C-alpha cells in the first residue's frame, strides 16, 4: 500500500480512538 494511504488510515484510527 502507498505510504500516503497508510498515513490516512492511521489518522482515521487515531480519530476513532479520540472520539
N, C-alpha and C. Protein backbone atom coordinates (compact mmCIF):
# COMPACT_ATOMS: atom_id res chain seq x y z
N UNK A 1 0.84 -1.21 0.00
CA UNK A 1 0.00 0.00 0.00
C UNK A 1 0.87 1.25 0.00
N UNK A 2 0.40 2.32 -0.65
CA UNK A 2 1.16 3.58 -0.67
C UNK A 2 1.30 4.14 0.74
N UNK A 3 2.42 4.82 0.97
CA UNK A 3 2.66 5.39 2.30
C UNK A 3 1.54 6.37 2.64
N UNK A 4 1.06 7.09 1.63
CA UNK A 4 0.01 8.08 1.85
C UNK A 4 -1.24 7.41 2.42
N UNK A 5 -1.62 6.28 1.81
CA UNK A 5 -2.83 5.56 2.28
C UNK A 5 -2.63 5.12 3.73
N UNK A 6 -1.41 4.63 4.04
CA UNK A 6 -1.13 4.16 5.40
C UNK A 6 -1.30 5.30 6.40
N UNK A 7 -0.80 6.49 6.03
CA UNK A 7 -0.89 7.64 6.94
C UNK A 7 -2.34 8.03 7.15
N UNK A 8 -3.14 7.98 6.06
CA UNK A 8 -4.55 8.35 6.17
C UNK A 8 -5.26 7.37 7.09
N UNK A 9 -4.99 6.07 6.90
CA UNK A 9 -5.62 5.04 7.72
C UNK A 9 -5.26 5.24 9.19
N UNK A 10 -3.99 5.56 9.44
CA UNK A 10 -3.53 5.77 10.81
C UNK A 10 -4.25 6.98 11.43
N UNK A 11 -4.43 8.02 10.62
CA UNK A 11 -5.11 9.23 11.11
C UNK A 11 -6.56 8.90 11.46
N UNK A 12 -7.23 8.15 10.58
CA UNK A 12 -8.63 7.79 10.84
C UNK A 12 -8.73 6.96 12.12
N UNK A 13 -7.80 6.04 12.31
CA UNK A 13 -7.81 5.20 13.50
C UNK A 13 -7.63 6.06 14.75
N UNK A 14 -6.71 7.03 14.67
CA UNK A 14 -6.46 7.91 15.81
C UNK A 14 -7.71 8.71 16.14
N UNK A 15 -8.39 9.21 15.10
CA UNK A 15 -9.61 9.98 15.31
C UNK A 15 -10.67 9.11 15.98
N UNK A 16 -10.78 7.87 15.54
CA UNK A 16 -11.78 6.96 16.11
C UNK A 16 -11.51 6.75 17.59
N UNK A 17 -10.23 6.62 17.95
CA UNK A 17 -9.87 6.40 19.35
C UNK A 17 -10.18 7.64 20.18
N UNK A 18 -9.90 8.81 19.62
CA UNK A 18 -10.14 10.07 20.35
C UNK A 18 -11.63 10.31 20.56
N UNK A 19 -12.40 10.03 19.53
CA UNK A 19 -13.85 10.28 19.63
C UNK A 19 -14.47 9.38 20.69
